[in-house]
Amino acid sequence: MHSMWQLLPPTALLLLVTGGMQAADLPKAVVLLDPQWDRVLTNDHVTLKCQGDYPLGDNSTQWWHNGTLISNQASSYFITNAKVEDSGDYKCQTSLSTRSDPVKLKVYMGWLLLQAPRWVVKEGEPIQLKCHSWKKTTVENVQYFQNGKGKKFSYQNSDFYIREAKLEHSGSYFCRGLIGSKNESSEAMNVTVQGQGSPPSSSSFFLPWHQITFILVMGLLFAVDTGLYFSVKRDLRNSKEDWRNGKVTWTQGSQGK
């Protein structure tokens, strides 16, 4: 007698196993900054965009600032003339996505601010630093420093760009320049370059749970299909042998008459 698992077709078994996890298998939303800088000066304009799945015709989005739900329901959250109190963690969530990881935004007061798309890069990746001025005020004679040593000078403000980062590019960076007749400097920030030989984090050795579930389900389906195949093959062989034995018995009976 076939078991219940053997009586179920593979597609029905797959739906039975995976049907209960669809609600929990939603993608995680992502908050994107536009411009990309996570450090800005007061009076800067910042747009936070929620990247997630939306049902057709419904772009409503939930936003949190430092854990508190805010009234904005649009897919983008606009910060006009940023203030220090706009600093903090921002999260978002859509109807078809789970809550995002936090994105940190820091608003500073001052004339100059060092900005970067990323403060931690891998060896061989580019490094980009920007000497940002308050209200985009003109800055002249701009210098970039690494660990107190001058690395770049330009009469007009421009970014500091390293095409391929090396380990020796790690360190503390700041920029300095003339705003009118005043010599202004930014706060120093650390840039970290990770070597290619650095061991990956332990999390990289593990697959996401939904991928593990899918692999287990497919393995189960393979086992069920294999069992069905050998079960049918065995039944066919037994039937064939029974038929042969019956034919031999009938022939012997005929000869005996």
Protein backbone atom coordinates (compact mmCIF):
# COMPACT_ATOMS: atom_id res chain seq x y z
CA MET A 1 0.00 0.00 0.00
CA HIS A 2 1.31 3.43 -0.91
CA SER A 3 1.82 5.95 1.90
CA MET A 4 0.02 9.32 1.92
CA TRP A 5 3.22 11.07 0.70
CA GLN A 6 3.44 8.72 -2.28
CA LEU A 7 -0.18 9.41 -3.24
CA LEU A 8 0.43 13.17 -3.47
CA PRO A 9 1.76 14.48 -6.81
CA PRO A 10 5.03 16.49 -6.48
CA THR A 11 3.37 19.84 -7.32
CA ALA A 12 0.72 19.37 -4.64
CA LEU A 13 3.39 18.45 -2.11
CA LEU A 14 5.38 21.59 -2.95
CA LEU A 15 2.30 23.79 -2.47
CA LEU A 16 1.50 22.02 0.78
CA VAL A 17 4.97 22.60 2.25
CA THR A 18 5.55 26.16 1.00
CA GLY A 19 2.02 27.55 1.23
CA GLY A 20 2.28 28.38 4.90
CA MET A 21 5.46 30.45 4.60
CA GLN A 22 4.43 32.90 1.87
CA ALA A 23 3.36 35.62 4.27
CA ALA A 24 6.68 35.48 6.14
CA ASP A 25 8.76 35.33 2.96
CA LEU A 26 8.39 39.01 2.05
CA PRO A 27 11.47 40.96 0.91
CA LYS A 28 13.00 43.53 3.24
CA ALA A 29 12.57 47.18 2.29
CA VAL A 30 15.65 49.37 1.79
CA VAL A 31 16.10 53.08 2.55
CA LEU A 32 18.18 54.97 -0.03
CA LEU A 33 19.64 58.46 0.46
CA ASP A 34 19.55 61.04 -2.34
CA PRO A 35 22.14 62.54 -2.47
CA GLN A 36 24.02 59.49 -1.20
CA TRP A 37 25.80 61.20 1.72
CA ASP A 38 24.96 60.05 5.25
CA ARG A 39 26.53 63.23 6.71
CA VAL A 40 25.07 66.62 5.77
CA LEU A 41 25.17 70.21 6.97
CA THR A 42 22.28 72.26 8.27
CA ASN A 43 20.06 73.70 5.52
CA ASP A 44 20.94 70.83 3.15
CA HIS A 45 18.11 69.08 1.32
CA VAL A 46 17.87 65.29 1.69
CA THR A 47 15.47 62.78 0.13
CA LEU A 48 15.00 59.33 1.65
CA LYS A 49 13.49 56.81 -0.75
CA CYS A 50 11.85 53.56 0.30
CA GLN A 51 12.71 50.71 -2.05
CA GLY A 52 10.22 47.88 -1.58
CA ASP A 53 7.35 45.97 -3.18
CA TYR A 54 3.98 47.68 -3.50
CA PRO A 55 0.57 46.30 -4.44
CA LEU A 56 -0.85 47.67 -7.69
CA GLY A 57 -2.06 51.23 -7.21
CA ASP A 58 -0.94 51.51 -3.58
CA ASN A 59 2.34 53.30 -2.82
CA SER A 60 1.58 53.96 0.85
CA THR A 61 4.68 53.67 3.02
CA GLN A 62 5.35 53.71 6.74
CA TRP A 63 8.34 55.70 8.00
CA TRP A 64 10.09 55.68 11.38
CA HIS A 65 12.55 58.24 12.76
CA ASN A 66 14.48 57.01 15.81
CA GLY A 67 11.79 54.36 16.35
CA THR A 68 8.85 56.79 16.22
CA LEU A 69 6.27 56.45 13.45
CA ILE A 70 6.06 59.68 11.44
CA SER A 71 3.08 60.98 9.48
CA ASN A 72 4.62 60.75 6.02
CA GLN A 73 2.92 58.03 3.94
CA ALA A 74 4.65 58.64 0.58
CA SER A 75 7.33 56.38 -0.89
CA SER A 76 9.85 59.25 -0.47
CA TYR A 77 10.49 61.33 2.63
CA PHE A 78 11.77 64.85 1.96
CA ILE A 79 13.90 66.80 4.45
CA THR A 80 14.09 70.45 3.47
CA ASN A 81 16.59 72.72 5.20
CA ALA A 82 17.91 69.95 7.44
CA LYS A 83 18.23 70.63 11.15
CA VAL A 84 20.37 68.93 13.77
CA GLU A 85 17.24 67.26 15.20
CA ASP A 86 16.70 65.52 11.83
CA SER A 87 19.70 63.33 12.69
CA GLY A 88 19.07 59.70 13.58
CA ASP A 89 17.92 56.33 12.27
CA TYR A 90 15.35 56.08 9.49
CA LYS A 91 13.38 52.95 8.58
CA CYS A 92 10.57 52.28 6.13
CA GLN A 93 8.10 49.53 5.26
CA THR A 94 5.66 48.89 2.40
CA SER A 95 2.58 46.66 2.19
CA LEU A 96 4.55 43.91 0.47
CA SER A 97 7.87 44.22 2.31
CA THR A 98 9.13 43.92 5.86
CA ARG A 99 10.66 46.80 7.80
CA SER A 100 14.04 47.96 6.49
CA ASP A 101 17.33 48.08 8.32
CA PRO A 102 18.07 51.53 9.75
CA VAL A 103 19.90 54.16 7.72
CA LYS A 104 21.78 56.68 9.83
CA LEU A 105 21.70 60.36 8.89
CA LYS A 106 23.84 62.91 10.75
CA VAL A 107 23.26 66.65 10.44
CA TYR A 108 26.17 68.92 11.45
CA MET A 109 26.60 72.62 12.04
CA GLY A 110 29.70 74.20 10.49
CA TRP A 111 31.31 75.54 7.33
CA LEU A 112 32.97 72.41 5.94
CA LEU A 113 32.07 68.73 6.11
CA LEU A 114 33.89 65.69 4.72
CA GLN A 115 31.52 63.37 2.89
CA ALA A 116 31.90 59.90 1.34
CA PRO A 117 29.56 57.31 -0.20
CA ARG A 118 31.16 54.67 2.05
CA TRP A 119 33.61 54.85 4.91
CA VAL A 120 34.58 51.17 4.67
CA VAL A 121 35.76 49.88 1.29
CA LYS A 122 37.48 46.74 0.04
CA GLU A 123 40.96 46.72 -1.41
CA GLY A 124 40.76 47.58 -5.12
CA GLU A 125 37.51 49.54 -4.82
CA PRO A 126 37.40 53.33 -5.31
CA ILE A 127 37.49 55.92 -2.55
CA GLN A 128 35.64 59.21 -3.07
CA LEU A 129 35.81 62.12 -0.62
CA LYS A 130 33.95 65.41 -0.94
CA CYS A 131 34.70 68.67 0.87
CA HIS A 132 31.15 69.99 1.26
CA SER A 133 30.51 73.62 2.24
CA TRP A 134 27.53 75.15 4.04
CA LYS A 135 24.91 76.34 1.54
CA LYS A 136 27.46 75.48 -1.19
CA THR A 137 29.51 78.54 -0.32
CA THR A 138 32.56 79.01 -2.56
CA VAL A 139 35.69 77.36 -1.15
CA GLU A 140 39.16 78.03 -2.53
CA ASN A 141 42.63 76.53 -1.97
CA VAL A 142 41.14 73.22 -0.87
CA GLN A 143 43.47 70.62 0.68
CA TYR A 144 42.80 67.02 1.67
CA PHE A 145 44.81 65.43 4.47
CA GLN A 146 45.42 61.80 5.45
CA ASN A 147 46.80 61.24 8.95
CA GLY A 148 47.92 64.89 8.99
CA LYS A 149 49.76 64.72 5.65
CA GLY A 150 48.60 66.70 2.63
CA LYS A 151 47.33 64.48 -0.21
CA LYS A 152 45.69 66.85 -2.68
CA PHE A 153 45.53 70.60 -3.34
CA SER A 154 43.23 72.46 -5.73
CA TYR A 155 42.54 76.17 -6.16
CA GLN A 156 38.86 75.42 -6.74
CA ASN A 157 36.95 72.88 -4.67
CA SER A 158 36.96 69.36 -6.16
CA ASP A 159 36.55 65.79 -4.91
CA PHE A 160 39.44 63.62 -3.78
CA TYR A 161 39.30 60.37 -5.73
CA ILE A 162 41.37 57.18 -5.42
CA ARG A 163 40.64 54.74 -8.24
CA GLU A 164 41.86 51.58 -6.50
CA ALA A 165 42.10 51.57 -2.72
CA LYS A 166 45.10 49.98 -1.03
CA LEU A 167 45.60 49.10 2.61
CA GLU A 168 47.82 52.15 3.12
CA HIS A 169 44.90 54.40 2.15
CA SER A 170 43.21 53.63 5.48
CA GLY A 171 43.40 56.46 7.98
CA SER A 172 41.97 59.70 9.28
CA TYR A 173 40.97 62.26 6.63
CA PHE A 174 39.84 65.89 6.72
CA CYS A 175 39.72 68.82 4.31
CA ARG A 176 40.64 72.50 4.66
CA GLY A 177 39.98 75.57 2.55
CA LEU A 178 39.46 79.32 2.38
CA ILE A 179 35.95 80.70 2.69
CA GLY A 180 36.43 84.39 2.06
CA SER A 181 39.46 85.26 4.18
CA LYS A 182 38.83 82.55 6.79
CA ASN A 183 40.69 79.26 6.85
CA GLU A 184 38.12 76.57 7.68
CA SER A 185 38.60 72.85 8.36
CA SER A 186 36.25 69.90 8.45
CA GLU A 187 35.99 67.33 11.19
CA ALA A 188 38.29 64.31 10.67
CA MET A 189 36.73 61.00 9.59
CA ASN A 190 38.18 57.50 9.42
CA VAL A 191 38.33 55.59 6.13
CA THR A 192 38.94 51.84 6.42
CA VAL A 193 40.27 49.68 3.58
CA GLN A 194 39.69 45.95 4.07
CA GLY A 195 42.18 43.53 2.53
CA GLN A 196 41.08 40.94 0.00
CA GLY A 197 42.41 38.21 2.27
CA SER A 198 40.26 39.29 5.19
CA PRO A 199 38.11 36.37 6.41
CA PRO A 200 34.45 36.78 5.51
CA SER A 201 31.98 37.31 8.30
CA SER A 202 30.41 34.19 9.77
CA SER A 203 27.05 35.13 8.30
CA SER A 204 28.42 34.65 4.79
CA PHE A 205 28.67 30.90 5.43
CA PHE A 206 24.91 30.58 5.94
CA LEU A 207 22.15 30.74 3.35
CA PRO A 208 18.96 32.73 4.08
CA TRP A 209 16.30 30.56 5.72
CA HIS A 210 13.94 30.69 2.73
CA GLN A 211 16.70 29.34 0.46
CA ILE A 212 17.40 26.53 2.93
CA THR A 213 13.66 25.73 3.03
CA PHE A 214 13.53 25.64 -0.77
CA ILE A 215 16.52 23.26 -0.90
CA LEU A 216 14.94 20.97 1.71
CA VAL A 217 11.62 20.97 -0.15
CA MET A 218 13.31 20.12 -3.44
CA GLY A 219 15.27 17.37 -1.70
CA LEU A 220 12.03 15.99 -0.26
CA LEU A 221 10.38 16.08 -3.67
CA PHE A 222 13.36 14.26 -5.18
CA ALA A 223 13.14 11.58 -2.49
CA VAL A 224 9.38 11.19 -3.04
CA ASP A 225 9.79 10.97 -6.82
CA THR A 226 12.59 8.42 -6.40
CA GLY A 227 10.44 6.36 -4.04
CA LEU A 228 7.51 6.48 -6.43
CA TYR A 229 9.75 5.44 -9.32
CA PHE A 230 11.13 2.37 -7.56
CA SER A 231 7.70 1.52 -6.12
CA VAL A 232 6.07 1.57 -9.56
CA LYS A 233 9.01 -0.33 -11.04
CA ARG A 234 8.70 -3.01 -8.34
CA ASP A 235 4.94 -3.30 -8.85
CA LEU A 236 5.38 -3.65 -12.60
CA ARG A 237 8.05 -6.34 -12.12
CA ASN A 238 5.84 -8.29 -9.70
CA SER A 239 2.87 -8.01 -12.05
CA LYS A 240 4.99 -9.23 -14.95
CA GLU A 241 6.26 -12.20 -12.92
CA ASP A 242 2.71 -13.08 -11.80
CA TRP A 243 1.55 -12.95 -15.38
CA ARG A 244 4.39 -15.21 -16.49
CA ASN A 245 3.72 -17.72 -13.70
CA GLY A 246 0.06 -17.77 -14.55
CA LYS A 247 0.83 -18.42 -18.21
CA VAL A 248 3.22 -21.28 -17.38
CA THR A 249 0.63 -22.90 -15.09
CA TRP A 250 -2.03 -22.67 -17.79
CA THR A 251 0.33 -24.23 -20.36
CA GLN A 252 1.24 -27.13 -18.10
CA GLY A 253 -2.44 -27.69 -17.33
CA SER A 254 -3.24 -27.87 -21.03
CA GLN A 255 -0.52 -30.45 -21.67
CA GLY A 256 -1.72 -32.61 -18.81
CA LYS A 257 -5.20 -33.01 -20.34
